[in-house]
């Protein structure tokens, strides 16, 4: 159960309504998860939405790899809502169901694609050690390129922030599902 009650559209200020409409326009007409929390502080909701668009719309990194990185991060944090949303997004982007299930169950995935193995290793290393050793960095830079690597690490950081806010406020998953155990 969420620690916050849902905001109702008639209760929103004009600034909150503007941001709500912008966010909802690309999210199936609804504002849920971290954006529903941030909407209480409109400047944060607006900036988070712009940041999300910069990664999602204007990013150069392969969306499949970004979604894989997101899954690794949100599983690390056991962020239920983020997993609920990004499991489908990862599958749609081309991450295999076997890789998704392995991450869900905290098992080392059996990767067919080397770029996915590398992204998994980079994000796992950062999550577990809070740093990235030189050899891993060099491999990632050579395989992905600088801009996509920056975007990948930025996405991991952004979804760490998202996981923290979702967990702190116990953001509800539609249907009260708990996709992670």
N, C-alpha and C. Protein backbone atom coordinates (compact mmCIF):
# COMPACT_ATOMS: atom_id res chain seq x y z
N UNK A 1 0.84 -1.19 0.00
CA UNK A 1 0.00 0.00 0.00
C UNK A 1 0.88 1.24 0.00
N UNK A 2 0.54 2.17 -0.84
CA UNK A 2 1.32 3.38 -0.98
C UNK A 2 1.25 4.24 0.28
N UNK A 3 2.30 4.96 0.53
CA UNK A 3 2.32 5.90 1.66
C UNK A 3 1.69 7.23 1.29
N UNK A 4 1.36 7.40 0.01
CA UNK A 4 0.73 8.64 -0.45
C UNK A 4 -0.60 8.33 -1.11
N UNK A 5 -1.56 9.20 -0.90
CA UNK A 5 -2.83 9.03 -1.60
C UNK A 5 -2.69 9.61 -3.00
N UNK A 6 -3.42 9.04 -3.94
CA UNK A 6 -3.36 9.52 -5.31
C UNK A 6 -3.89 10.95 -5.39
N UNK A 7 -3.18 11.77 -6.14
CA UNK A 7 -3.66 13.12 -6.41
C UNK A 7 -4.78 13.04 -7.43
N UNK A 8 -5.78 13.84 -7.24
CA UNK A 8 -6.90 13.88 -8.18
C UNK A 8 -6.72 15.11 -9.07
N UNK A 9 -7.00 14.94 -10.35
CA UNK A 9 -6.79 16.01 -11.32
C UNK A 9 -7.41 17.34 -10.90
N UNK A 10 -8.65 17.37 -10.39
CA UNK A 10 -9.22 18.67 -9.99
C UNK A 10 -8.46 19.37 -8.85
N UNK A 11 -7.69 18.61 -8.08
CA UNK A 11 -6.94 19.18 -6.96
C UNK A 11 -5.64 19.84 -7.38
N UNK A 12 -5.18 19.55 -8.58
CA UNK A 12 -3.86 20.01 -9.02
C UNK A 12 -3.84 21.51 -9.32
N UNK A 13 -2.70 22.11 -9.06
CA UNK A 13 -2.49 23.51 -9.44
C UNK A 13 -2.35 23.56 -10.96
N UNK A 14 -2.38 24.74 -11.52
CA UNK A 14 -2.23 24.85 -12.97
C UNK A 14 -0.87 24.32 -13.43
N UNK A 15 0.18 24.55 -12.65
CA UNK A 15 1.51 24.04 -12.98
C UNK A 15 1.54 22.52 -12.92
N UNK A 16 0.93 21.95 -11.87
CA UNK A 16 0.86 20.49 -11.76
C UNK A 16 0.06 19.90 -12.92
N UNK A 17 -1.02 20.54 -13.31
CA UNK A 17 -1.83 20.04 -14.43
C UNK A 17 -1.05 20.05 -15.73
N UNK A 18 -0.30 21.12 -15.96
CA UNK A 18 0.52 21.21 -17.17
C UNK A 18 1.51 20.05 -17.22
N UNK A 19 2.19 19.82 -16.12
CA UNK A 19 3.19 18.76 -16.07
C UNK A 19 2.51 17.39 -16.14
N UNK A 20 1.40 17.24 -15.44
CA UNK A 20 0.64 15.98 -15.49
C UNK A 20 0.29 15.65 -16.94
N UNK A 21 -0.25 16.61 -17.65
CA UNK A 21 -0.66 16.37 -19.04
C UNK A 21 0.52 16.02 -19.93
N UNK A 22 1.65 16.66 -19.71
CA UNK A 22 2.83 16.36 -20.51
C UNK A 22 3.33 14.94 -20.23
N UNK A 23 3.37 14.57 -18.97
CA UNK A 23 3.82 13.23 -18.60
C UNK A 23 2.83 12.18 -19.10
N UNK A 24 1.56 12.41 -18.87
CA UNK A 24 0.52 11.45 -19.26
C UNK A 24 0.46 11.24 -20.77
N UNK A 25 0.82 12.26 -21.53
CA UNK A 25 0.71 12.17 -22.99
C UNK A 25 1.60 11.08 -23.58
N UNK A 26 2.65 10.69 -22.89
CA UNK A 26 3.54 9.64 -23.40
C UNK A 26 3.52 8.38 -22.52
N UNK A 27 2.60 8.36 -21.57
CA UNK A 27 2.52 7.22 -20.65
C UNK A 27 1.07 6.71 -20.55
N UNK A 28 0.49 6.42 -21.68
CA UNK A 28 -0.86 5.83 -21.75
C UNK A 28 -1.92 6.66 -21.03
N UNK A 29 -1.72 7.96 -20.97
CA UNK A 29 -2.72 8.84 -20.39
C UNK A 29 -2.77 8.88 -18.88
N UNK A 30 -1.80 8.25 -18.21
CA UNK A 30 -1.80 8.24 -16.74
C UNK A 30 -0.44 8.66 -16.21
N UNK A 31 -0.43 9.10 -14.97
CA UNK A 31 0.80 9.45 -14.27
C UNK A 31 0.86 8.56 -13.03
N UNK A 32 1.82 7.66 -13.04
CA UNK A 32 1.99 6.72 -11.93
C UNK A 32 3.45 6.70 -11.51
N UNK A 33 3.72 5.82 -10.57
CA UNK A 33 5.10 5.57 -10.15
C UNK A 33 5.79 6.81 -9.65
N UNK A 34 7.06 7.00 -10.03
CA UNK A 34 7.83 8.12 -9.47
C UNK A 34 7.25 9.47 -9.87
N UNK A 35 6.67 9.54 -11.05
CA UNK A 35 6.13 10.83 -11.49
C UNK A 35 4.92 11.25 -10.66
N UNK A 36 4.13 10.30 -10.22
CA UNK A 36 3.00 10.61 -9.33
C UNK A 36 3.50 11.14 -7.99
N UNK A 37 4.64 10.66 -7.57
CA UNK A 37 5.24 11.15 -6.32
C UNK A 37 5.83 12.54 -6.55
N UNK A 38 6.64 12.67 -7.61
CA UNK A 38 7.30 13.96 -7.89
C UNK A 38 6.30 15.06 -8.22
N UNK A 39 5.13 14.72 -8.69
CA UNK A 39 4.15 15.74 -9.06
C UNK A 39 3.82 16.65 -7.89
N UNK A 40 4.00 16.17 -6.69
CA UNK A 40 3.76 16.99 -5.49
C UNK A 40 4.78 18.13 -5.37
N UNK A 41 5.89 17.98 -6.05
CA UNK A 41 6.91 19.02 -6.16
C UNK A 41 7.11 19.24 -7.65
N UNK A 42 6.28 20.10 -8.25
CA UNK A 42 6.24 20.21 -9.71
C UNK A 42 7.58 20.43 -10.40
N UNK A 43 8.46 21.19 -9.81
CA UNK A 43 9.75 21.43 -10.46
C UNK A 43 10.52 20.11 -10.60
N UNK A 44 10.43 19.22 -9.61
CA UNK A 44 11.10 17.93 -9.71
C UNK A 44 10.44 17.05 -10.77
N UNK A 45 9.12 17.05 -10.79
CA UNK A 45 8.41 16.25 -11.81
C UNK A 45 8.78 16.72 -13.20
N UNK A 46 8.83 18.02 -13.39
CA UNK A 46 9.15 18.57 -14.70
C UNK A 46 10.58 18.22 -15.11
N UNK A 47 11.53 18.41 -14.20
CA UNK A 47 12.92 18.11 -14.52
C UNK A 47 13.14 16.61 -14.74
N UNK A 48 12.51 15.78 -13.91
CA UNK A 48 12.64 14.33 -14.09
C UNK A 48 12.06 13.91 -15.43
N UNK A 49 10.96 14.50 -15.83
CA UNK A 49 10.36 14.18 -17.11
C UNK A 49 11.29 14.60 -18.26
N UNK A 50 11.88 15.78 -18.16
CA UNK A 50 12.83 16.21 -19.19
C UNK A 50 14.05 15.29 -19.25
N UNK A 51 14.53 14.89 -18.09
CA UNK A 51 15.68 14.00 -18.02
C UNK A 51 15.33 12.65 -18.64
N UNK A 52 14.17 12.14 -18.32
CA UNK A 52 13.70 10.87 -18.87
C UNK A 52 13.60 10.95 -20.39
N UNK A 53 13.05 12.05 -20.90
CA UNK A 53 12.94 12.23 -22.36
C UNK A 53 14.31 12.30 -23.02
N UNK A 54 15.27 12.94 -22.36
CA UNK A 54 16.61 13.04 -22.92
C UNK A 54 17.20 11.65 -23.12
N UNK A 55 16.97 10.75 -22.19
CA UNK A 55 17.47 9.38 -22.32
C UNK A 55 16.63 8.57 -23.30
N UNK A 56 15.31 8.66 -23.15
CA UNK A 56 14.39 7.81 -23.90
C UNK A 56 14.27 8.22 -25.37
N UNK A 57 14.18 9.50 -25.63
CA UNK A 57 13.91 9.99 -26.98
C UNK A 57 15.19 10.39 -27.72
N UNK A 58 16.06 11.08 -27.04
CA UNK A 58 17.23 11.64 -27.71
C UNK A 58 18.51 10.83 -27.53
N UNK A 59 18.44 9.76 -26.75
CA UNK A 59 19.63 8.98 -26.47
C UNK A 59 20.14 8.20 -27.67
N UNK A 60 21.44 7.95 -27.68
CA UNK A 60 22.08 7.19 -28.76
C UNK A 60 22.30 5.74 -28.39
N UNK A 61 22.24 5.43 -27.11
CA UNK A 61 22.47 4.06 -26.67
C UNK A 61 21.32 3.16 -27.13
N UNK A 62 21.65 1.93 -27.42
CA UNK A 62 20.68 0.92 -27.84
C UNK A 62 19.62 0.78 -26.73
N UNK A 63 18.36 0.92 -27.08
CA UNK A 63 17.26 0.85 -26.10
C UNK A 63 17.24 -0.51 -25.39
N UNK A 64 17.60 -1.55 -26.10
CA UNK A 64 17.66 -2.89 -25.50
C UNK A 64 18.66 -2.90 -24.34
N UNK A 65 19.80 -2.27 -24.55
CA UNK A 65 20.83 -2.24 -23.51
C UNK A 65 20.44 -1.33 -22.35
N UNK A 66 19.77 -0.22 -22.67
CA UNK A 66 19.28 0.66 -21.60
C UNK A 66 18.26 -0.10 -20.74
N UNK A 67 17.33 -0.79 -21.39
CA UNK A 67 16.32 -1.54 -20.62
C UNK A 67 16.94 -2.66 -19.80
N UNK A 68 17.97 -3.29 -20.33
CA UNK A 68 18.67 -4.31 -19.55
C UNK A 68 19.32 -3.68 -18.32
N UNK A 69 19.97 -2.55 -18.50
CA UNK A 69 20.58 -1.85 -17.37
C UNK A 69 19.53 -1.46 -16.33
N UNK A 70 18.38 -1.00 -16.80
CA UNK A 70 17.31 -0.63 -15.87
C UNK A 70 16.87 -1.85 -15.07
N UNK A 71 16.70 -2.98 -15.72
CA UNK A 71 16.30 -4.19 -14.99
C UNK A 71 17.32 -4.57 -13.92
N UNK A 72 18.60 -4.48 -14.26
CA UNK A 72 19.63 -4.83 -13.28
C UNK A 72 19.54 -3.89 -12.07
N UNK A 73 19.37 -2.61 -12.32
CA UNK A 73 19.29 -1.63 -11.24
C UNK A 73 18.03 -1.84 -10.39
N UNK A 74 16.89 -1.95 -11.05
CA UNK A 74 15.65 -2.03 -10.25
C UNK A 74 15.55 -3.37 -9.52
N UNK A 75 16.20 -4.41 -10.06
CA UNK A 75 16.23 -5.68 -9.32
C UNK A 75 17.14 -5.55 -8.13
N UNK A 76 18.26 -4.85 -8.29
CA UNK A 76 19.18 -4.61 -7.17
C UNK A 76 18.42 -3.96 -6.00
N UNK A 77 17.54 -3.03 -6.34
CA UNK A 77 16.77 -2.31 -5.33
C UNK A 77 15.43 -2.97 -5.03
N UNK A 78 15.06 -3.99 -5.76
CA UNK A 78 13.74 -4.64 -5.64
C UNK A 78 12.62 -3.60 -5.73
N UNK A 79 12.71 -2.75 -6.71
CA UNK A 79 11.71 -1.71 -6.94
C UNK A 79 10.56 -2.31 -7.75
N UNK A 80 9.49 -2.64 -7.06
CA UNK A 80 8.38 -3.38 -7.65
C UNK A 80 7.76 -2.66 -8.85
N UNK A 81 7.41 -1.39 -8.67
CA UNK A 81 6.75 -0.66 -9.75
C UNK A 81 7.66 -0.56 -10.98
N UNK A 82 8.92 -0.23 -10.76
CA UNK A 82 9.84 -0.09 -11.90
C UNK A 82 10.02 -1.42 -12.62
N UNK A 83 10.07 -2.52 -11.87
CA UNK A 83 10.17 -3.82 -12.54
C UNK A 83 8.92 -4.08 -13.36
N UNK A 84 7.76 -3.81 -12.78
CA UNK A 84 6.48 -4.01 -13.46
C UNK A 84 6.48 -3.30 -14.82
N UNK A 85 6.97 -2.08 -14.87
CA UNK A 85 6.97 -1.30 -16.11
C UNK A 85 8.08 -1.76 -17.06
N UNK A 86 9.27 -1.96 -16.54
CA UNK A 86 10.42 -2.18 -17.41
C UNK A 86 10.63 -3.63 -17.82
N UNK A 87 9.99 -4.56 -17.16
CA UNK A 87 10.06 -5.94 -17.65
C UNK A 87 9.46 -6.00 -19.06
N UNK A 88 8.28 -5.45 -19.23
CA UNK A 88 7.64 -5.43 -20.55
C UNK A 88 8.46 -4.63 -21.55
N UNK A 89 8.99 -3.49 -21.10
CA UNK A 89 9.78 -2.65 -22.00
C UNK A 89 11.04 -3.38 -22.46
N UNK A 90 11.67 -4.11 -21.57
CA UNK A 90 12.89 -4.85 -21.92
C UNK A 90 12.57 -5.96 -22.92
N UNK A 91 11.50 -6.68 -22.68
CA UNK A 91 11.11 -7.74 -23.61
C UNK A 91 10.80 -7.15 -24.99
N UNK A 92 10.07 -6.04 -25.00
CA UNK A 92 9.72 -5.38 -26.26
C UNK A 92 10.96 -4.87 -26.99
N UNK A 93 11.96 -4.45 -26.22
CA UNK A 93 13.20 -3.93 -26.82
C UNK A 93 14.12 -5.04 -27.32
N UNK A 94 13.81 -6.30 -26.96
CA UNK A 94 14.60 -7.41 -27.48
C UNK A 94 15.43 -8.18 -26.47
N UNK A 95 15.30 -7.85 -25.18
CA UNK A 95 15.97 -8.65 -24.16
C UNK A 95 15.18 -9.96 -24.04
N UNK A 96 15.88 -11.08 -24.02
CA UNK A 96 15.19 -12.37 -24.01
C UNK A 96 14.47 -12.62 -22.68
N UNK A 97 13.41 -13.39 -22.75
CA UNK A 97 12.65 -13.76 -21.56
C UNK A 97 13.54 -14.52 -20.57
N UNK A 98 14.48 -15.30 -21.07
CA UNK A 98 15.38 -16.06 -20.19
C UNK A 98 16.29 -15.13 -19.40
N UNK A 99 16.79 -14.10 -20.04
CA UNK A 99 17.63 -13.13 -19.34
C UNK A 99 16.81 -12.37 -18.31
N UNK A 100 15.62 -11.95 -18.67
CA UNK A 100 14.75 -11.24 -17.74
C UNK A 100 14.45 -12.10 -16.52
N UNK A 101 14.10 -13.36 -16.73
CA UNK A 101 13.78 -14.25 -15.61
C UNK A 101 14.98 -14.52 -14.72
N UNK A 102 16.15 -14.66 -15.33
CA UNK A 102 17.36 -14.86 -14.52
C UNK A 102 17.59 -13.65 -13.61
N UNK A 103 17.47 -12.46 -14.16
CA UNK A 103 17.66 -11.26 -13.35
C UNK A 103 16.59 -11.18 -12.26
N UNK A 104 15.35 -11.46 -12.60
CA UNK A 104 14.28 -11.45 -11.60
C UNK A 104 14.62 -12.38 -10.43
N UNK A 105 15.16 -13.54 -10.76
CA UNK A 105 15.45 -14.56 -9.75
C UNK A 105 16.87 -14.46 -9.18
N UNK A 106 17.55 -13.36 -9.48
CA UNK A 106 18.89 -13.08 -8.97
C UNK A 106 19.89 -14.17 -9.35
N UNK A 107 19.74 -14.66 -10.58
CA UNK A 107 20.68 -15.64 -11.12
C UNK A 107 21.50 -14.97 -12.22
N UNK A 108 22.70 -15.45 -12.43
CA UNK A 108 23.52 -14.96 -13.53
C UNK A 108 22.89 -15.43 -14.83
N UNK A 109 22.48 -14.49 -15.68
CA UNK A 109 21.87 -14.89 -16.96
C UNK A 109 22.88 -15.59 -17.87
N UNK A 110 22.36 -16.46 -18.71
CA UNK A 110 23.17 -17.08 -19.77
C UNK A 110 22.95 -16.23 -21.02
N UNK A 111 23.90 -15.37 -21.29
CA UNK A 111 23.77 -14.42 -22.38
C UNK A 111 24.15 -15.03 -23.71
N UNK A 112 23.37 -14.72 -24.73
CA UNK A 112 23.70 -15.07 -26.10
C UNK A 112 24.45 -13.89 -26.73
N UNK A 113 24.08 -12.70 -26.34
CA UNK A 113 24.68 -11.48 -26.90
C UNK A 113 25.77 -10.95 -25.97
N UNK A 114 26.93 -10.72 -26.53
CA UNK A 114 28.06 -10.23 -25.73
C UNK A 114 27.82 -8.81 -25.21
N UNK A 115 27.13 -7.96 -25.99
CA UNK A 115 26.89 -6.60 -25.50
C UNK A 115 26.00 -6.63 -24.26
N UNK A 116 25.07 -7.56 -24.19
CA UNK A 116 24.22 -7.68 -22.99
C UNK A 116 25.03 -8.18 -21.80
N UNK A 117 25.92 -9.13 -22.03
CA UNK A 117 26.78 -9.62 -20.95
C UNK A 117 27.61 -8.46 -20.38
N UNK A 118 28.16 -7.65 -21.28
CA UNK A 118 28.99 -6.53 -20.86
C UNK A 118 28.18 -5.51 -20.05
N UNK A 119 27.00 -5.17 -20.53
CA UNK A 119 26.15 -4.21 -19.80
C UNK A 119 25.78 -4.77 -18.43
N UNK A 120 25.42 -6.03 -18.38
CA UNK A 120 25.10 -6.67 -17.10
C UNK A 120 26.30 -6.56 -16.15
N UNK A 121 27.49 -6.86 -16.65
CA UNK A 121 28.69 -6.82 -15.81
C UNK A 121 28.99 -5.40 -15.34
N UNK A 122 28.87 -4.42 -16.23
CA UNK A 122 29.14 -3.02 -15.86
C UNK A 122 28.18 -2.56 -14.77
N UNK A 123 26.89 -2.76 -14.98
CA UNK A 123 25.90 -2.25 -14.03
C UNK A 123 25.96 -3.03 -12.72
N UNK A 124 26.17 -4.33 -12.79
CA UNK A 124 26.29 -5.12 -11.57
C UNK A 124 27.51 -4.70 -10.77
N UNK A 125 28.62 -4.50 -11.46
CA UNK A 125 29.84 -4.07 -10.77
C UNK A 125 29.63 -2.72 -10.09
N UNK A 126 29.01 -1.79 -10.79
CA UNK A 126 28.74 -0.48 -10.18
C UNK A 126 27.81 -0.61 -8.97
N UNK A 127 26.77 -1.41 -9.10
CA UNK A 127 25.80 -1.56 -8.01
C UNK A 127 26.44 -2.23 -6.79
N UNK A 128 27.29 -3.20 -7.02
CA UNK A 128 27.85 -3.97 -5.92
C UNK A 128 29.10 -3.34 -5.31
N UNK A 129 29.95 -2.72 -6.14
CA UNK A 129 31.22 -2.20 -5.61
C UNK A 129 31.25 -0.68 -5.52
N UNK A 130 30.27 -0.02 -6.12
CA UNK A 130 30.17 1.45 -6.16
C UNK A 130 31.27 2.09 -7.00
N UNK A 131 31.90 1.28 -7.85
CA UNK A 131 32.93 1.79 -8.74
C UNK A 131 33.01 0.88 -9.96
N UNK A 132 33.83 1.26 -10.91
CA UNK A 132 34.02 0.47 -12.12
C UNK A 132 35.52 0.34 -12.34
N UNK A 133 36.02 -0.89 -12.29
CA UNK A 133 37.47 -1.07 -12.43
C UNK A 133 37.90 -0.72 -13.86
N UNK A 134 39.17 -0.47 -14.02
CA UNK A 134 39.70 0.01 -15.29
C UNK A 134 39.47 -0.99 -16.42
N UNK A 135 39.64 -2.27 -16.16
CA UNK A 135 39.48 -3.28 -17.21
C UNK A 135 38.04 -3.31 -17.71
N UNK A 136 37.09 -3.24 -16.80
CA UNK A 136 35.67 -3.24 -17.19
C UNK A 136 35.35 -1.97 -17.97
N UNK A 137 35.84 -0.85 -17.47
CA UNK A 137 35.62 0.42 -18.16
C UNK A 137 36.18 0.37 -19.58
N UNK A 138 37.41 -0.11 -19.71
CA UNK A 138 38.05 -0.16 -21.03
C UNK A 138 37.26 -1.06 -21.98
N UNK A 139 36.80 -2.20 -21.52
CA UNK A 139 35.99 -3.10 -22.36
C UNK A 139 34.69 -2.42 -22.78
N UNK A 140 34.03 -1.76 -21.84
CA UNK A 140 32.76 -1.09 -22.14
C UNK A 140 32.97 0.05 -23.12
N UNK A 141 33.99 0.82 -22.92
CA UNK A 141 34.27 1.95 -23.81
C UNK A 141 34.56 1.45 -25.22
N UNK A 142 35.37 0.40 -25.34
CA UNK A 142 35.70 -0.14 -26.67
C UNK A 142 34.48 -0.72 -27.36
N UNK A 143 33.63 -1.38 -26.62
CA UNK A 143 32.47 -2.06 -27.21
C UNK A 143 31.31 -1.12 -27.50
N UNK A 144 31.09 -0.14 -26.64
CA UNK A 144 29.89 0.69 -26.74
C UNK A 144 30.15 2.08 -27.31
N UNK A 145 31.32 2.63 -27.06
CA UNK A 145 31.61 4.02 -27.42
C UNK A 145 31.33 4.93 -26.24
N UNK A 146 31.91 6.10 -26.25
CA UNK A 146 31.83 7.00 -25.09
C UNK A 146 30.41 7.50 -24.82
N UNK A 147 29.75 8.08 -25.83
CA UNK A 147 28.41 8.63 -25.58
C UNK A 147 27.42 7.57 -25.12
N UNK A 148 27.34 6.43 -25.79
CA UNK A 148 26.42 5.40 -25.28
C UNK A 148 26.78 4.92 -23.87
N UNK A 149 28.08 4.85 -23.55
CA UNK A 149 28.48 4.44 -22.20
C UNK A 149 28.04 5.48 -21.18
N UNK A 150 28.22 6.74 -21.51
CA UNK A 150 27.75 7.81 -20.61
C UNK A 150 26.25 7.69 -20.40
N UNK A 151 25.50 7.48 -21.47
CA UNK A 151 24.04 7.34 -21.35
C UNK A 151 23.66 6.12 -20.51
N UNK A 152 24.36 5.03 -20.71
CA UNK A 152 24.07 3.81 -19.96
C UNK A 152 24.28 4.03 -18.46
N UNK A 153 25.40 4.62 -18.10
CA UNK A 153 25.69 4.87 -16.68
C UNK A 153 24.72 5.91 -16.13
N UNK A 154 24.38 6.91 -16.94
CA UNK A 154 23.41 7.91 -16.51
C UNK A 154 22.05 7.27 -16.26
N UNK A 155 21.64 6.37 -17.15
CA UNK A 155 20.36 5.67 -16.97
C UNK A 155 20.39 4.85 -15.68
N UNK A 156 21.50 4.18 -15.41
CA UNK A 156 21.62 3.40 -14.18
C UNK A 156 21.48 4.31 -12.95
N UNK A 157 22.11 5.47 -13.00
CA UNK A 157 21.98 6.41 -11.89
C UNK A 157 20.57 6.95 -11.74
N UNK A 158 19.95 7.28 -12.87
CA UNK A 158 18.58 7.80 -12.84
C UNK A 158 17.62 6.76 -12.27
N UNK A 159 17.80 5.51 -12.67
CA UNK A 159 16.90 4.47 -12.16
C UNK A 159 17.24 4.06 -10.74
N UNK A 160 18.44 4.35 -10.27
CA UNK A 160 18.72 4.20 -8.84
C UNK A 160 17.89 5.22 -8.07
N UNK A 161 17.88 6.46 -8.54
CA UNK A 161 17.05 7.51 -7.95
C UNK A 161 15.57 7.09 -7.97
N UNK A 162 15.12 6.61 -9.11
CA UNK A 162 13.72 6.19 -9.24
C UNK A 162 13.42 5.05 -8.27
N UNK A 163 14.29 4.07 -8.20
CA UNK A 163 14.06 2.94 -7.29
C UNK A 163 13.98 3.41 -5.85
N UNK A 164 14.83 4.34 -5.49
CA UNK A 164 14.81 4.84 -4.11
C UNK A 164 13.49 5.55 -3.80
N UNK A 165 13.03 6.40 -4.70
CA UNK A 165 11.78 7.12 -4.43
C UNK A 165 10.59 6.17 -4.43
N UNK A 166 10.58 5.21 -5.34
CA UNK A 166 9.50 4.23 -5.37
C UNK A 166 9.46 3.42 -4.08
N UNK A 167 10.61 2.97 -3.62
CA UNK A 167 10.66 2.17 -2.41
C UNK A 167 10.35 2.98 -1.16
N UNK A 168 10.85 4.21 -1.10
CA UNK A 168 10.61 5.05 0.08
C UNK A 168 9.13 5.35 0.26
N UNK A 169 8.43 5.56 -0.85
CA UNK A 169 7.01 5.91 -0.77
C UNK A 169 6.10 4.73 -1.08
N UNK A 170 6.70 3.54 -1.23
CA UNK A 170 5.96 2.30 -1.48
C UNK A 170 4.95 2.49 -2.61
N UNK A 171 5.45 2.94 -3.74
CA UNK A 171 4.59 3.21 -4.90
C UNK A 171 3.85 1.94 -5.31
N UNK A 172 2.56 2.03 -5.50
CA UNK A 172 1.77 0.84 -5.81
C UNK A 172 1.95 0.37 -7.25
N UNK A 173 1.89 -0.92 -7.41
CA UNK A 173 1.89 -1.55 -8.73
C UNK A 173 0.43 -1.79 -9.09
N UNK A 174 0.02 -1.47 -10.32
CA UNK A 174 -1.37 -1.74 -10.70
C UNK A 174 -1.78 -3.17 -10.38
N UNK A 175 -2.98 -3.30 -9.83
CA UNK A 175 -3.48 -4.62 -9.46
C UNK A 175 -2.84 -5.17 -8.18
N UNK A 176 -2.10 -4.32 -7.48
CA UNK A 176 -1.40 -4.73 -6.25
C UNK A 176 -0.45 -5.90 -6.47
N UNK A 177 0.08 -6.02 -7.68
CA UNK A 177 1.03 -7.09 -7.98
C UNK A 177 2.33 -6.87 -7.23
N UNK A 178 3.06 -7.94 -7.02
CA UNK A 178 4.41 -7.89 -6.45
C UNK A 178 5.27 -8.77 -7.36
N UNK A 179 5.76 -8.22 -8.49
CA UNK A 179 6.49 -9.05 -9.45
C UNK A 179 7.82 -9.57 -8.97
N UNK A 180 8.36 -8.99 -7.90
CA UNK A 180 9.64 -9.43 -7.36
C UNK A 180 9.44 -10.01 -5.96
N UNK A 181 10.14 -11.08 -5.70
CA UNK A 181 10.05 -11.72 -4.37
C UNK A 181 11.32 -11.47 -3.61
